[in-house]
Amino acid sequence: MPDIVLSNRVALHWHEAGPPSGPPVVWIHGGSVEDSSMMVPDLEPYLDRVRGLFPDTRGHGLSTRFERVEDYTYPRKLEDLLLWLAAIGVRQAVWGGASMGGALSLWAAIHAPAMVRAVVSISGPPYQPVDSDKSWWAQHRPLVAAGRFTDYFDAQIRLRMGEAALARLKARPERYGAVTTPLQRHSVASLLALLDETFSRTDWLADCARISCPVLIIAGSEDHFPTVAMSRRVAETIPGAELHVVAGGPHFPNRSHRAEVQGVIGAFLSRIGVLT
C-alpha cells in the first residue's frame, strides 16, 4: 500500500496487486465515502495476469484533502492520476471503476486519450445529479456540517445500496471500521467541499462522443442515477461502446452481483487482448 507525493504536492495513496509486468488496469473507487480498498475484489480473478492499480483519489482514503470545492473537480483528480502514473512508469492503462470512478475513467479517455487503452465504466454518470439526489444532499448536509461523518456514511450506503447492504456491512465490524475510519481524517470543511462538488456537477455527455478507445458500460437495472436509460445514452454516444445491464443490480452491481460483473469484465478484457 504505497504512497507518493506528486509534483503538485498532493500525497496520493494506492493499493497495488498482481504481477508488475502485467498489463496495467487503473481501477477507481466511487466518490463521497469510498476508497481504493473497496475496489480490489472486483479484479481478483484476473490479478494473476494484470497489474491492478487502485488509487485513493484526492479527498478519499489516505490521500490529501482540501477545503475548496474547486480542488475536487475531475480535472484536478485526473491531474493527480496522470502525475502518479508517470511517476511509476505507466504510459498507458485500461481505466475503469464504479460510480465516480467510472465517470472519471470516461473523463480520462476524453482528456488524456493517449493514456487510456480502454474503459470499463460501472454506473459512471457524465450527468449532473438528478433533482432527487440534490434534495437528498440538502437534507443530509447538516449531518456533515455537525461532524456526524459516520451517520452520513450510513445514509449514503442506504441511498446507493439499500438498508440490507448497510446491515451486512455493519455485521462485519472490522470491515465497517476500516471503511469509516478514514472519514475521520477529514475536517468538516474538507468533507463538505468534497460533497458539495459531487452534488453540483454539470452534464458532459456530449464530450463522450470524442472517446475512441474500446468502452464497456455496466449498469444496474435498479439504479436511479444513472438509470439504465442514462447508461444506454452513454453507450450510444460513445462510438462502438458496449452496454451490459445487470438485472436487479443497484448502483454498485459490482458488489451485489460480483460474479456476473467480474465475468463481463473478464470477457471484455479478453476481447481487447488484455487477458490472454
C-alpha atoms as a PDB file:
ATOM      1  CA  MET A   1       0.000   0.000   0.000  1.00  0.00           C
ATOM      2  CA  PRO A   2       2.433   2.679  -1.189  1.00  0.00           C
ATOM      3  CA  ASP A   3       2.217   6.456  -1.025  1.00  0.00           C
ATOM      4  CA  ILE A   4       3.749   9.128  -3.225  1.00  0.00           C
ATOM      5  CA  VAL A   5       3.985  12.915  -3.052  1.00  0.00           C
ATOM      6  CA  LEU A   6       3.313  14.168  -6.567  1.00  0.00           C
ATOM      7  CA  SER A   7       4.938  17.165  -8.223  1.00  0.00           C
ATOM      8  CA  ASN A   8       1.751  19.164  -7.488  1.00  0.00           C
ATOM      9  CA  ARG A   9       2.313  18.363  -3.769  1.00  0.00           C
ATOM     10  CA  VAL A  10      -0.659  16.031  -3.491  1.00  0.00           C
ATOM     11  CA  ALA A  11       0.065  12.942  -1.405  1.00  0.00           C
ATOM     12  CA  LEU A  12      -1.564  10.016  -3.199  1.00  0.00           C
ATOM     13  CA  HIS A  13      -2.104   6.610  -1.610  1.00  0.00           C
ATOM     14  CA  TRP A  14      -2.861   3.452  -3.553  1.00  0.00           C
ATOM     15  CA  HIS A  15      -3.147  -0.312  -3.430  1.00  0.00           C
ATOM     16  CA  GLU A  16      -1.375  -2.487  -5.971  1.00  0.00           C
ATOM     17  CA  ALA A  17      -1.888  -6.164  -6.759  1.00  0.00           C
ATOM     18  CA  GLY A  18      -0.868  -8.583  -9.478  1.00  0.00           C
ATOM     19  CA  PRO A  19       2.363  -9.043 -11.450  1.00  0.00           C
ATOM     20  CA  PRO A  20       4.293  -5.790 -12.015  1.00  0.00           C
ATOM     21  CA  SER A  21       4.902  -6.913 -15.609  1.00  0.00           C
ATOM     22  CA  GLY A  22       1.206  -7.447 -16.336  1.00  0.00           C
ATOM     23  CA  PRO A  23      -0.906  -5.045 -18.384  1.00  0.00           C
ATOM     24  CA  PRO A  24      -1.916  -2.222 -16.017  1.00  0.00           C
ATOM     25  CA  VAL A  25      -5.536  -1.682 -15.014  1.00  0.00           C
ATOM     26  CA  VAL A  26      -6.321   1.514 -13.108  1.00  0.00           C
ATOM     27  CA  TRP A  27      -9.433   0.736 -11.065  1.00  0.00           C
ATOM     28  CA  ILE A  28     -11.047   3.710  -9.323  1.00  0.00           C
ATOM     29  CA  HIS A  29     -13.455   3.851  -6.396  1.00  0.00           C
ATOM     30  CA  GLY A  30     -16.695   5.813  -6.194  1.00  0.00           C
ATOM     31  CA  GLY A  31     -16.952   9.280  -4.674  1.00  0.00           C
ATOM     32  CA  SER A  32     -18.041  10.553  -1.300  1.00  0.00           C
ATOM     33  CA  VAL A  33     -17.388   7.809   1.290  1.00  0.00           C
ATOM     34  CA  GLU A  34     -15.483   5.387  -0.971  1.00  0.00           C
ATOM     35  CA  ASP A  35     -11.790   4.486  -1.186  1.00  0.00           C
ATOM     36  CA  SER A  36      -9.463   2.098  -3.010  1.00  0.00           C
ATOM     37  CA  SER A  37      -9.859  -0.756  -0.526  1.00  0.00           C
ATOM     38  CA  MET A  38     -13.428  -1.272  -1.749  1.00  0.00           C
ATOM     39  CA  MET A  39     -12.315  -1.938  -5.321  1.00  0.00           C
ATOM     40  CA  VAL A  40      -9.660  -4.661  -5.099  1.00  0.00           C
ATOM     41  CA  PRO A  41     -12.134  -7.604  -5.036  1.00  0.00           C
ATOM     42  CA  ASP A  42     -13.535  -6.636  -8.465  1.00  0.00           C
ATOM     43  CA  LEU A  43     -10.326  -7.669 -10.231  1.00  0.00           C
ATOM     44  CA  GLU A  44      -9.344 -10.627  -8.060  1.00  0.00           C
ATOM     45  CA  PRO A  45      -9.992 -13.281 -10.756  1.00  0.00           C
ATOM     46  CA  TYR A  46      -7.521 -11.519 -13.066  1.00  0.00           C
ATOM     47  CA  LEU A  47      -4.772 -10.442 -10.689  1.00  0.00           C
ATOM     48  CA  ASP A  48      -2.623 -13.359 -11.786  1.00  0.00           C
ATOM     49  CA  ARG A  49      -2.449 -11.713 -15.236  1.00  0.00           C
ATOM     50  CA  VAL A  50      -2.978  -7.961 -14.820  1.00  0.00           C
ATOM     51  CA  ARG A  51      -1.324  -5.306 -12.694  1.00  0.00           C
ATOM     52  CA  GLY A  52      -4.151  -3.840 -10.651  1.00  0.00           C
ATOM     53  CA  LEU A  53      -3.618  -0.221  -9.584  1.00  0.00           C
ATOM     54  CA  PHE A  54      -6.188   1.093  -7.093  1.00  0.00           C
ATOM     55  CA  PRO A  55      -5.756   4.797  -6.206  1.00  0.00           C
ATOM     56  CA  ASP A  56      -7.333   6.844  -3.452  1.00  0.00           C
ATOM     57  CA  THR A  57      -8.295   9.958  -5.394  1.00  0.00           C
ATOM     58  CA  ARG A  58      -7.770  13.279  -3.624  1.00  0.00           C
ATOM     59  CA  GLY A  59     -10.137  13.707  -0.702  1.00  0.00           C
ATOM     60  CA  HIS A  60     -10.639   9.954  -0.315  1.00  0.00           C
ATOM     61  CA  GLY A  61      -8.998   7.258   1.764  1.00  0.00           C
ATOM     62  CA  LEU A  62      -5.475   8.266   2.779  1.00  0.00           C
ATOM     63  CA  SER A  63      -4.810  10.833   0.048  1.00  0.00           C
ATOM     64  CA  THR A  64      -4.619  14.611   0.512  1.00  0.00           C
ATOM     65  CA  ARG A  65      -7.759  16.504   1.449  1.00  0.00           C
ATOM     66  CA  PHE A  66      -8.715  20.058   0.508  1.00  0.00           C
ATOM     67  CA  GLU A  67     -11.248  22.580   1.774  1.00  0.00           C
ATOM     68  CA  ARG A  68     -12.322  24.213  -1.511  1.00  0.00           C
ATOM     69  CA  VAL A  69     -14.867  22.779  -3.953  1.00  0.00           C
ATOM     70  CA  GLU A  70     -12.675  23.700  -6.931  1.00  0.00           C
ATOM     71  CA  ASP A  71      -9.933  21.374  -5.667  1.00  0.00           C
ATOM     72  CA  TYR A  72     -12.187  18.318  -6.101  1.00  0.00           C
ATOM     73  CA  THR A  73     -13.165  18.635  -9.756  1.00  0.00           C
ATOM     74  CA  TYR A  74     -12.471  15.952 -12.360  1.00  0.00           C
ATOM     75  CA  PRO A  75      -9.641  17.996 -13.947  1.00  0.00           C
ATOM     76  CA  ARG A  76      -7.848  18.100 -10.579  1.00  0.00           C
ATOM     77  CA  LYS A  77      -8.429  14.392  -9.910  1.00  0.00           C
ATOM     78  CA  LEU A  78      -7.195  13.484 -13.372  1.00  0.00           C
ATOM     79  CA  GLU A  79      -4.108  15.673 -12.965  1.00  0.00           C
ATOM     80  CA  ASP A  80      -3.150  13.650  -9.877  1.00  0.00           C
ATOM     81  CA  LEU A  81      -3.646  10.298 -11.574  1.00  0.00           C
ATOM     82  CA  LEU A  82      -1.644  11.265 -14.649  1.00  0.00           C
ATOM     83  CA  LEU A  83       1.245  12.507 -12.485  1.00  0.00           C
ATOM     84  CA  TRP A  84       1.054   9.308 -10.426  1.00  0.00           C
ATOM     85  CA  LEU A  85       1.116   7.013 -13.455  1.00  0.00           C
ATOM     86  CA  ALA A  86       4.027   8.914 -14.974  1.00  0.00           C
ATOM     87  CA  ALA A  87       5.921   8.646 -11.683  1.00  0.00           C
ATOM     88  CA  ILE A  88       5.515   4.865 -11.516  1.00  0.00           C
ATOM     89  CA  GLY A  89       6.321   4.390 -15.195  1.00  0.00           C
ATOM     90  CA  VAL A  90       2.880   3.530 -16.602  1.00  0.00           C
ATOM     91  CA  ARG A  91       2.443   5.010 -20.067  1.00  0.00           C
ATOM     92  CA  GLN A  92      -0.991   3.541 -20.888  1.00  0.00           C
ATOM     93  CA  ALA A  93      -3.583   1.508 -18.997  1.00  0.00           C
ATOM     94  CA  VAL A  94      -7.096   0.195 -19.016  1.00  0.00           C
ATOM     95  CA  TRP A  95      -9.089   2.587 -16.823  1.00  0.00           C
ATOM     96  CA  GLY A  96     -12.265   1.710 -15.000  1.00  0.00           C
ATOM     97  CA  GLY A  97     -14.207   1.752 -11.794  1.00  0.00           C
ATOM     98  CA  ALA A  98     -17.591   2.369 -10.239  1.00  0.00           C
ATOM     99  CA  SER A  99     -19.735   5.496  -9.939  1.00  0.00           C
ATOM    100  CA  MET A 100     -17.336   8.464  -9.742  1.00  0.00           C
ATOM    101  CA  GLY A 101     -14.505   6.122 -10.721  1.00  0.00           C
ATOM    102  CA  GLY A 102     -16.315   5.001 -13.850  1.00  0.00           C
ATOM    103  CA  ALA A 103     -17.141   8.578 -14.827  1.00  0.00           C
ATOM    104  CA  LEU A 104     -13.582   9.729 -14.126  1.00  0.00           C
ATOM    105  CA  SER A 105     -12.324   6.962 -16.414  1.00  0.00           C
ATOM    106  CA  LEU A 106     -14.548   8.274 -19.206  1.00  0.00           C
ATOM    107  CA  TRP A 107     -13.226  11.771 -18.475  1.00  0.00           C
ATOM    108  CA  ALA A 108      -9.663  10.458 -18.805  1.00  0.00           C
ATOM    109  CA  ALA A 109     -10.477   8.868 -22.173  1.00  0.00           C
ATOM    110  CA  ILE A 110     -11.710  12.267 -23.390  1.00  0.00           C
ATOM    111  CA  HIS A 111      -8.951  14.452 -21.986  1.00  0.00           C
ATOM    112  CA  ALA A 112      -5.910  12.132 -21.929  1.00  0.00           C
ATOM    113  CA  PRO A 113      -6.661   9.616 -24.705  1.00  0.00           C
ATOM    114  CA  ALA A 114      -3.049   8.514 -25.160  1.00  0.00           C
ATOM    115  CA  MET A 115      -3.059   7.206 -21.571  1.00  0.00           C
ATOM    116  CA  VAL A 116      -6.253   5.181 -21.907  1.00  0.00           C
ATOM    117  CA  ARG A 117      -6.225   1.793 -23.641  1.00  0.00           C
ATOM    118  CA  ALA A 118      -9.872   1.028 -22.819  1.00  0.00           C
ATOM    119  CA  VAL A 119     -12.556   1.939 -20.264  1.00  0.00           C
ATOM    120  CA  VAL A 120     -14.902  -0.078 -18.048  1.00  0.00           C
ATOM    121  CA  SER A 121     -17.462   2.287 -16.512  1.00  0.00           C
ATOM    122  CA  ILE A 122     -19.800   0.843 -13.884  1.00  0.00           C
ATOM    123  CA  SER A 123     -22.662   3.224 -13.043  1.00  0.00           C
ATOM    124  CA  GLY A 124     -20.499   6.183 -14.060  1.00  0.00           C
ATOM    125  CA  PRO A 125     -22.713   9.191 -14.902  1.00  0.00           C
ATOM    126  CA  PRO A 126     -21.463  12.038 -17.164  1.00  0.00           C
ATOM    127  CA  TYR A 127     -24.551  13.940 -15.984  1.00  0.00           C
ATOM    128  CA  GLN A 128     -25.473  16.499 -13.387  1.00  0.00           C
ATOM    129  CA  PRO A 129     -27.101  14.887 -10.326  1.00  0.00           C
ATOM    130  CA  VAL A 130     -30.831  14.334 -10.586  1.00  0.00           C
ATOM    131  CA  ASP A 131     -33.124  16.551  -8.528  1.00  0.00           C
ATOM    132  CA  SER A 132     -33.870  13.769  -6.039  1.00  0.00           C
ATOM    133  CA  ASP A 133     -30.149  13.399  -5.259  1.00  0.00           C
ATOM    134  CA  LYS A 134     -29.705  17.154  -4.866  1.00  0.00           C
ATOM    135  CA  SER A 135     -32.669  17.208  -2.487  1.00  0.00           C
ATOM    136  CA  TRP A 136     -31.231  14.234  -0.570  1.00  0.00           C
ATOM    137  CA  TRP A 137     -27.932  16.087  -0.142  1.00  0.00           C
ATOM    138  CA  ALA A 138     -29.693  19.226   1.080  1.00  0.00           C
ATOM    139  CA  GLN A 139     -31.462  17.117   3.716  1.00  0.00           C
ATOM    140  CA  HIS A 140     -28.309  15.253   4.807  1.00  0.00           C
ATOM    141  CA  ARG A 141     -25.726  18.045   4.546  1.00  0.00           C
ATOM    142  CA  PRO A 142     -26.395  19.054   8.188  1.00  0.00           C
ATOM    143  CA  LEU A 143     -25.023  15.663   9.307  1.00  0.00           C
ATOM    144  CA  VAL A 144     -21.648  16.518   7.778  1.00  0.00           C
ATOM    145  CA  ALA A 145     -21.775  20.118   9.000  1.00  0.00           C
ATOM    146  CA  ALA A 146     -22.280  18.768  12.527  1.00  0.00           C
ATOM    147  CA  GLY A 147     -19.314  16.406  12.208  1.00  0.00           C
ATOM    148  CA  ARG A 148     -21.518  13.299  12.182  1.00  0.00           C
ATOM    149  CA  PHE A 149     -19.495  11.625   9.446  1.00  0.00           C
ATOM    150  CA  THR A 150     -20.414   8.032  10.304  1.00  0.00           C
ATOM    151  CA  ASP A 151     -24.119   8.866  10.286  1.00  0.00           C
ATOM    152  CA  TYR A 152     -23.628  10.399   6.847  1.00  0.00           C
ATOM    153  CA  PHE A 153     -21.770   7.279   5.695  1.00  0.00           C
ATOM    154  CA  ASP A 154     -24.710   5.118   6.765  1.00  0.00           C
ATOM    155  CA  ALA A 155     -27.188   7.367   4.950  1.00  0.00           C
ATOM    156  CA  GLN A 156     -25.094   7.261   1.779  1.00  0.00           C
ATOM    157  CA  ILE A 157     -24.947   3.446   1.794  1.00  0.00           C
ATOM    158  CA  ARG A 158     -28.721   3.311   2.299  1.00  0.00           C
ATOM    159  CA  LEU A 159     -29.203   5.626  -0.673  1.00  0.00           C
ATOM    160  CA  ARG A 160     -26.936   3.741  -3.085  1.00  0.00           C
ATOM    161  CA  MET A 161     -27.217   0.124  -1.908  1.00  0.00           C
ATOM    162  CA  GLY A 162     -30.192  -0.152   0.459  1.00  0.00           C
ATOM    163  CA  GLU A 163     -30.756  -0.924   4.130  1.00  0.00           C
ATOM    164  CA  ALA A 164     -29.909  -4.622   3.740  1.00  0.00           C
ATOM    165  CA  ALA A 165     -26.480  -3.815   2.303  1.00  0.00           C
ATOM    166  CA  LEU A 166     -25.759  -1.497   5.228  1.00  0.00           C
ATOM    167  CA  ALA A 167     -26.823  -4.197   7.681  1.00  0.00           C
ATOM    168  CA  ARG A 168     -24.482  -6.706   6.018  1.00  0.00           C
ATOM    169  CA  LEU A 169     -21.599  -4.243   6.258  1.00  0.00           C
ATOM    170  CA  LYS A 170     -22.283  -3.455   9.911  1.00  0.00           C
ATOM    171  CA  ALA A 171     -22.369  -7.187  10.646  1.00  0.00           C
ATOM    172  CA  ARG A 172     -18.632  -7.121   9.856  1.00  0.00           C
ATOM    173  CA  PRO A 173     -17.377  -4.629  12.469  1.00  0.00           C
ATOM    174  CA  GLU A 174     -13.748  -4.781  11.341  1.00  0.00           C
ATOM    175  CA  ARG A 175     -14.682  -4.004   7.743  1.00  0.00           C
ATOM    176  CA  TYR A 176     -17.146  -1.311   8.781  1.00  0.00           C
ATOM    177  CA  GLY A 177     -14.458   0.306  10.885  1.00  0.00           C
ATOM    178  CA  ALA A 178     -11.918   0.086   8.070  1.00  0.00           C
ATOM    179  CA  VAL A 179     -14.159   1.989   5.641  1.00  0.00           C
ATOM    180  CA  THR A 180     -15.444   4.595   8.106  1.00  0.00           C
ATOM    181  CA  THR A 181     -12.230   5.414   9.966  1.00  0.00           C
ATOM    182  CA  PRO A 182     -10.602   7.268   7.009  1.00  0.00           C
ATOM    183  CA  LEU A 183     -13.548   9.698   7.008  1.00  0.00           C
ATOM    184  CA  GLN A 184     -12.368  10.958  10.370  1.00  0.00           C
ATOM    185  CA  ARG A 185      -9.238  12.357   8.700  1.00  0.00           C
ATOM    186  CA  HIS A 186     -11.487  14.977   7.113  1.00  0.00           C
ATOM    187  CA  SER A 187     -12.219  18.328   8.638  1.00  0.00           C
ATOM    188  CA  VAL A 188     -15.832  19.422   8.391  1.00  0.00           C
ATOM    189  CA  ALA A 189     -14.773  21.914   5.702  1.00  0.00           C
ATOM    190  CA  SER A 190     -12.927  19.327   3.588  1.00  0.00           C
ATOM    191  CA  LEU A 191     -15.756  16.782   3.583  1.00  0.00           C
ATOM    192  CA  LEU A 192     -18.326  19.477   2.837  1.00  0.00           C
ATOM    193  CA  ALA A 193     -16.206  20.696  -0.091  1.00  0.00           C
ATOM    194  CA  LEU A 194     -15.864  17.156  -1.454  1.00  0.00           C
ATOM    195  CA  LEU A 195     -19.594  16.510  -1.243  1.00  0.00           C
ATOM    196  CA  ASP A 196     -20.702  19.934  -2.442  1.00  0.00           C
ATOM    197  CA  GLU A 197     -18.630  19.309  -5.603  1.00  0.00           C
ATOM    198  CA  THR A 198     -20.171  15.862  -6.026  1.00  0.00           C
ATOM    199  CA  PHE A 199     -23.726  17.210  -5.973  1.00  0.00           C
ATOM    200  CA  SER A 200     -23.039  20.259  -8.168  1.00  0.00           C
ATOM    201  CA  ARG A 201     -21.544  18.621 -11.276  1.00  0.00           C
ATOM    202  CA  THR A 202     -22.838  19.504 -14.724  1.00  0.00           C
ATOM    203  CA  ASP A 203     -23.594  17.432 -17.819  1.00  0.00           C
ATOM    204  CA  TRP A 204     -20.749  16.458 -20.149  1.00  0.00           C
ATOM    205  CA  LEU A 205     -22.365  13.578 -22.044  1.00  0.00           C
ATOM    206  CA  ALA A 206     -21.724  15.183 -25.446  1.00  0.00           C
ATOM    207  CA  ASP A 207     -17.974  15.094 -24.824  1.00  0.00           C
ATOM    208  CA  CYS A 208     -18.144  11.290 -24.643  1.00  0.00           C
ATOM    209  CA  ALA A 209     -18.577  11.220 -28.436  1.00  0.00           C
ATOM    210  CA  ARG A 210     -14.847  12.032 -28.633  1.00  0.00           C
ATOM    211  CA  ILE A 211     -13.829   8.739 -26.998  1.00  0.00           C
ATOM    212  CA  SER A 212     -12.154   6.423 -29.491  1.00  0.00           C
ATOM    213  CA  CYS A 213     -10.941   3.504 -27.349  1.00  0.00           C
ATOM    214  CA  PRO A 214     -12.990   0.368 -26.526  1.00  0.00           C
ATOM    215  CA  VAL A 215     -15.571   1.047 -23.804  1.00  0.00           C
ATOM    216  CA  LEU A 216     -17.778  -1.204 -21.692  1.00  0.00           C
ATOM    217  CA  ILE A 217     -20.680   0.377 -19.798  1.00  0.00           C
ATOM    218  CA  ILE A 218     -22.199  -1.673 -16.961  1.00  0.00           C
ATOM    219  CA  ALA A 219     -25.491  -0.593 -15.380  1.00  0.00           C
ATOM    220  CA  GLY A 220     -27.705  -1.895 -12.599  1.00  0.00           C
ATOM    221  CA  SER A 221     -31.335  -2.214 -13.621  1.00  0.00           C
ATOM    222  CA  GLU A 222     -32.487  -0.803 -10.249  1.00  0.00           C
ATOM    223  CA  ASP A 223     -30.109   2.163 -10.157  1.00  0.00           C
ATOM    224  CA  HIS A 224     -31.831   5.554 -10.031  1.00  0.00           C
ATOM    225  CA  PHE A 225     -28.741   7.565 -11.021  1.00  0.00           C
ATOM    226  CA  PRO A 226     -27.669   6.789 -13.604  1.00  0.00           C
ATOM    227  CA  THR A 227     -30.773   4.953 -14.727  1.00  0.00           C
ATOM    228  CA  VAL A 228     -30.488   2.265 -17.382  1.00  0.00           C
ATOM    229  CA  ALA A 229     -31.805   4.795 -19.905  1.00  0.00           C
ATOM    230  CA  MET A 230     -28.994   7.180 -18.950  1.00  0.00           C
ATOM    231  CA  SER A 231     -26.365   4.455 -19.228  1.00  0.00           C
ATOM    232  CA  ARG A 232     -27.782   3.432 -22.600  1.00  0.00           C
ATOM    233  CA  ARG A 233     -27.407   7.026 -23.795  1.00  0.00           C
ATOM    234  CA  VAL A 234     -23.749   6.953 -22.724  1.00  0.00           C
ATOM    235  CA  ALA A 235     -23.160   3.734 -24.669  1.00  0.00           C
ATOM    236  CA  GLU A 236     -24.950   5.143 -27.710  1.00  0.00           C
ATOM    237  CA  THR A 237     -22.891   8.345 -27.568  1.00  0.00           C
ATOM    238  CA  ILE A 238     -19.503   6.594 -27.492  1.00  0.00           C
ATOM    239  CA  PRO A 239     -18.626   5.026 -30.875  1.00  0.00           C
ATOM    240  CA  GLY A 240     -18.652   1.232 -30.604  1.00  0.00           C
ATOM    241  CA  ALA A 241     -19.310   1.122 -26.856  1.00  0.00           C
ATOM    242  CA  GLU A 242     -20.873  -1.988 -25.297  1.00  0.00           C
ATOM    243  CA  LEU A 243     -23.631  -1.990 -22.663  1.00  0.00           C
ATOM    244  CA  HIS A 244     -24.358  -4.681 -20.089  1.00  0.00           C
ATOM    245  CA  VAL A 245     -27.357  -4.354 -17.759  1.00  0.00           C
ATOM    246  CA  VAL A 246     -27.288  -6.323 -14.507  1.00  0.00           C
ATOM    247  CA  ALA A 247     -30.837  -7.476 -13.759  1.00  0.00           C
ATOM    248  CA  GLY A 248     -31.733  -6.454 -10.206  1.00  0.00           C
ATOM    249  CA  GLY A 249     -28.468  -4.574  -9.804  1.00  0.00           C
ATOM    250  CA  PRO A 250     -28.274  -1.389  -7.683  1.00  0.00           C
ATOM    251  CA  HIS A 251     -25.820   1.488  -8.067  1.00  0.00           C
ATOM    252  CA  PHE A 252     -22.859  -0.783  -7.289  1.00  0.00           C
ATOM    253  CA  PRO A 253     -23.695  -4.018  -9.140  1.00  0.00           C
ATOM    254  CA  ASN A 254     -20.016  -4.944  -8.897  1.00  0.00           C
ATOM    255  CA  ARG A 255     -20.721  -5.691  -5.226  1.00  0.00           C
ATOM    256  CA  SER A 256     -24.263  -7.035  -5.234  1.00  0.00           C
ATOM    257  CA  HIS A 257     -23.722  -9.180  -8.360  1.00  0.00           C
ATOM    258  CA  ARG A 258     -19.939  -9.526  -8.236  1.00  0.00           C
ATOM    259  CA  ALA A 259     -19.568 -12.826 -10.120  1.00  0.00           C
ATOM    260  CA  GLU A 260     -21.688 -11.607 -13.039  1.00  0.00           C
ATOM    261  CA  VAL A 261     -19.853  -8.302 -13.280  1.00  0.00           C
ATOM    262  CA  GLN A 262     -16.451  -9.970 -12.988  1.00  0.00           C
ATOM    263  CA  GLY A 263     -17.399 -12.304 -15.826  1.00  0.00           C
ATOM    264  CA  VAL A 264     -18.471  -9.427 -18.057  1.00  0.00           C
ATOM    265  CA  ILE A 265     -15.270  -7.524 -17.289  1.00  0.00           C
ATOM    266  CA  GLY A 266     -13.148 -10.597 -17.983  1.00  0.00           C
ATOM    267  CA  ALA A 267     -14.820 -11.236 -21.329  1.00  0.00           C
ATOM    268  CA  PHE A 268     -14.272  -7.596 -22.326  1.00  0.00           C
ATOM    269  CA  LEU A 269     -10.604  -7.660 -21.306  1.00  0.00           C
ATOM    270  CA  SER A 270     -10.183 -10.849 -23.319  1.00  0.00           C
ATOM    271  CA  ARG A 271     -11.801  -9.330 -26.414  1.00  0.00           C
ATOM    272  CA  ILE A 272      -9.462  -6.371 -26.376  1.00  0.00           C
ATOM    273  CA  GLY A 273      -6.373  -8.525 -25.833  1.00  0.00           C
ATOM    274  CA  VAL A 274      -5.592  -7.631 -22.212  1.00  0.00           C
ATOM    275  CA  LEU A 275      -6.266 -11.146 -20.929  1.00  0.00           C
ATOM    276  CA  THR A 276      -4.571 -13.895 -22.912  1.00  0.00           C
END
